[in-house]
C-alpha atoms as a PDB file:
ATOM      1  CA  UNK A   1       0.000   0.000   0.000  1.00  0.00           C
ATOM      2  CA  UNK A   2       1.274   3.471  -0.886  1.00  0.00           C
ATOM      3  CA  UNK A   3       2.180   5.866   1.912  1.00  0.00           C
ATOM      4  CA  UNK A   4       0.121   9.057   2.109  1.00  0.00           C
ATOM      5  CA  UNK A   5       2.048  12.303   2.089  1.00  0.00           C
ATOM      6  CA  UNK A   6       1.599  14.808   4.940  1.00  0.00           C
ATOM      7  CA  UNK A   7       0.412  17.406   2.394  1.00  0.00           C
ATOM      8  CA  UNK A   8      -2.321  15.091   1.169  1.00  0.00           C
ATOM      9  CA  UNK A   9      -3.463  14.338   4.710  1.00  0.00           C
ATOM     10  CA  UNK A  10      -3.521  18.069   5.562  1.00  0.00           C
ATOM     11  CA  UNK A  11      -5.536  18.847   2.416  1.00  0.00           C
ATOM     12  CA  UNK A  12      -8.102  16.186   3.309  1.00  0.00           C
ATOM     13  CA  UNK A  13      -8.386  17.493   6.887  1.00  0.00           C
ATOM     14  CA  UNK A  14      -8.900  21.074   5.668  1.00  0.00           C
ATOM     15  CA  UNK A  15     -11.555  19.919   3.205  1.00  0.00           C
ATOM     16  CA  UNK A  16     -13.399  17.917   5.854  1.00  0.00           C
ATOM     17  CA  UNK A  17     -13.274  20.777   8.382  1.00  0.00           C
ATOM     18  CA  UNK A  18     -14.510  23.387   5.896  1.00  0.00           C
ATOM     19  CA  UNK A  19     -17.316  21.106   4.725  1.00  0.00           C
ATOM     20  CA  UNK A  20     -18.376  20.425   8.311  1.00  0.00           C
ATOM     21  CA  UNK A  21     -18.405  24.162   9.070  1.00  0.00           C
ATOM     22  CA  UNK A  22     -20.528  24.891   5.994  1.00  0.00           C
ATOM     23  CA  UNK A  23     -22.999  22.152   6.931  1.00  0.00           C
ATOM     24  CA  UNK A  24     -23.206  23.489  10.504  1.00  0.00           C
ATOM     25  CA  UNK A  25     -23.929  27.016   9.272  1.00  0.00           C
ATOM     26  CA  UNK A  26     -26.540  25.846   6.761  1.00  0.00           C
ATOM     27  CA  UNK A  27     -28.212  23.693   9.416  1.00  0.00           C
ATOM     28  CA  UNK A  28     -28.637  26.776  11.595  1.00  0.00           C
ATOM     29  CA  UNK A  29     -29.861  29.002   8.782  1.00  0.00           C
ATOM     30  CA  UNK A  30     -33.536  29.611   8.176  1.00  0.00           C
ATOM     31  CA  UNK A  31     -34.549  27.871   4.984  1.00  0.00           C
ATOM     32  CA  UNK A  32     -34.493  29.111   1.464  1.00  0.00           C
ATOM     33  CA  UNK A  33     -36.627  31.924   0.092  1.00  0.00           C
ATOM     34  CA  UNK A  34     -38.002  33.135   3.430  1.00  0.00           C
ATOM     35  CA  UNK A  35     -34.518  33.971   4.637  1.00  0.00           C
ATOM     36  CA  UNK A  36     -33.838  37.704   5.133  1.00  0.00           C
ATOM     37  CA  UNK A  37     -31.216  39.472   3.035  1.00  0.00           C
ATOM     38  CA  UNK A  38     -29.680  38.930  -0.376  1.00  0.00           C
ATOM     39  CA  UNK A  39     -26.343  37.623  -1.675  1.00  0.00           C
ATOM     40  CA  UNK A  40     -23.565  40.210  -2.170  1.00  0.00           C
ATOM     41  CA  UNK A  41     -23.178  41.689  -5.647  1.00  0.00           C
ATOM     42  CA  UNK A  42     -19.446  40.850  -5.652  1.00  0.00           C
ATOM     43  CA  UNK A  43     -16.749  39.743  -3.203  1.00  0.00           C
ATOM     44  CA  UNK A  44     -16.642  43.068  -1.326  1.00  0.00           C
ATOM     45  CA  UNK A  45     -19.877  44.877  -2.125  1.00  0.00           C
ATOM     46  CA  UNK A  46     -23.497  44.725  -1.030  1.00  0.00           C
ATOM     47  CA  UNK A  47     -26.266  46.207  -3.189  1.00  0.00           C
ATOM     48  CA  UNK A  48     -27.173  49.820  -2.341  1.00  0.00           C
ATOM     49  CA  UNK A  49     -30.600  48.607  -1.199  1.00  0.00           C
ATOM     50  CA  UNK A  50     -28.995  46.170   1.288  1.00  0.00           C
ATOM     51  CA  UNK A  51     -25.897  47.940   2.692  1.00  0.00           C
ATOM     52  CA  UNK A  52     -25.453  45.917   5.900  1.00  0.00           C
ATOM     53  CA  UNK A  53     -22.755  43.233   5.558  1.00  0.00           C
ATOM     54  CA  UNK A  54     -23.333  39.883   7.247  1.00  0.00           C
ATOM     55  CA  UNK A  55     -20.317  37.682   7.873  1.00  0.00           C
ATOM     56  CA  UNK A  56     -20.804  34.117   9.055  1.00  0.00           C
ATOM     57  CA  UNK A  57     -18.099  32.986  11.428  1.00  0.00           C
ATOM     58  CA  UNK A  58     -16.956  29.552  12.437  1.00  0.00           C
ATOM     59  CA  UNK A  59     -13.927  30.443  14.524  1.00  0.00           C
ATOM     60  CA  UNK A  60     -15.478  32.698  17.183  1.00  0.00           C
ATOM     61  CA  UNK A  61     -18.318  30.438  18.248  1.00  0.00           C
ATOM     62  CA  UNK A  62     -20.880  32.977  17.044  1.00  0.00           C
ATOM     63  CA  UNK A  63     -22.998  32.298  13.999  1.00  0.00           C
ATOM     64  CA  UNK A  64     -22.968  35.708  12.327  1.00  0.00           C
ATOM     65  CA  UNK A  65     -21.777  39.272  12.825  1.00  0.00           C
ATOM     66  CA  UNK A  66     -23.185  42.182  10.843  1.00  0.00           C
ATOM     67  CA  UNK A  67     -21.337  45.386   9.976  1.00  0.00           C
ATOM     68  CA  UNK A  68     -22.830  48.838   9.410  1.00  0.00           C
ATOM     69  CA  UNK A  69     -21.419  51.350   6.883  1.00  0.00           C
ATOM     70  CA  UNK A  70     -19.696  53.536   9.480  1.00  0.00           C
ATOM     71  CA  UNK A  71     -18.313  50.585  11.431  1.00  0.00           C
ATOM     72  CA  UNK A  72     -14.575  50.077  11.907  1.00  0.00           C
ATOM     73  CA  UNK A  73     -14.401  46.832   9.912  1.00  0.00           C
ATOM     74  CA  UNK A  74     -17.038  47.542   7.241  1.00  0.00           C
ATOM     75  CA  UNK A  75     -14.468  48.143   4.498  1.00  0.00           C
ATOM     76  CA  UNK A  76     -12.466  45.069   5.509  1.00  0.00           C
ATOM     77  CA  UNK A  77     -15.446  42.715   5.608  1.00  0.00           C
ATOM     78  CA  UNK A  78     -16.294  40.407   2.719  1.00  0.00           C
ATOM     79  CA  UNK A  79     -20.053  39.988   3.006  1.00  0.00           C
ATOM     80  CA  UNK A  80     -21.632  36.574   2.780  1.00  0.00           C
ATOM     81  CA  UNK A  81     -25.145  38.016   3.095  1.00  0.00           C
ATOM     82  CA  UNK A  82     -26.446  41.585   2.766  1.00  0.00           C
ATOM     83  CA  UNK A  83     -29.340  43.091   4.690  1.00  0.00           C
ATOM     84  CA  UNK A  84     -31.581  46.127   4.221  1.00  0.00           C
ATOM     85  CA  UNK A  85     -32.181  46.595   7.957  1.00  0.00           C
ATOM     86  CA  UNK A  86     -30.629  45.625  11.258  1.00  0.00           C
ATOM     87  CA  UNK A  87     -33.855  43.765  12.040  1.00  0.00           C
ATOM     88  CA  UNK A  88     -33.306  41.520   8.998  1.00  0.00           C
ATOM     89  CA  UNK A  89     -29.740  40.769  10.105  1.00  0.00           C
ATOM     90  CA  UNK A  90     -30.925  39.859  13.604  1.00  0.00           C
ATOM     91  CA  UNK A  91     -33.715  37.642  12.162  1.00  0.00           C
ATOM     92  CA  UNK A  92     -31.018  35.774  10.229  1.00  0.00           C
ATOM     93  CA  UNK A  93     -29.116  35.081  13.459  1.00  0.00           C
ATOM     94  CA  UNK A  94     -26.556  37.893  13.360  1.00  0.00           C
ATOM     95  CA  UNK A  95     -25.397  40.238  16.081  1.00  0.00           C
ATOM     96  CA  UNK A  96     -24.030  43.746  15.537  1.00  0.00           C
ATOM     97  CA  UNK A  97     -20.273  44.223  15.376  1.00  0.00           C
ATOM     98  CA  UNK A  98     -18.906  45.724  18.567  1.00  0.00           C
ATOM     99  CA  UNK A  99     -16.591  48.013  16.577  1.00  0.00           C
END
């Protein structure tokens, strides 16, 4: 039997961990069309009608953090979901950024 390289093993572990995180987030997300918000228009930008950036986290133990336009990290945040109102972000399981 061929020996597996450490790089291959690491790649498999990363793939498994990222897949598990995505499944955990989707399991906690309200289903489909009734879900508040819209997808971002590109990697860094939300539509003008939905300027609040939602970022789903797996490392902090929190499900989602949303960022407002004047927030410290707004420009550094890649949105995964965009919201028209803070109420929509909260309905989707997000909390407001503390900065």
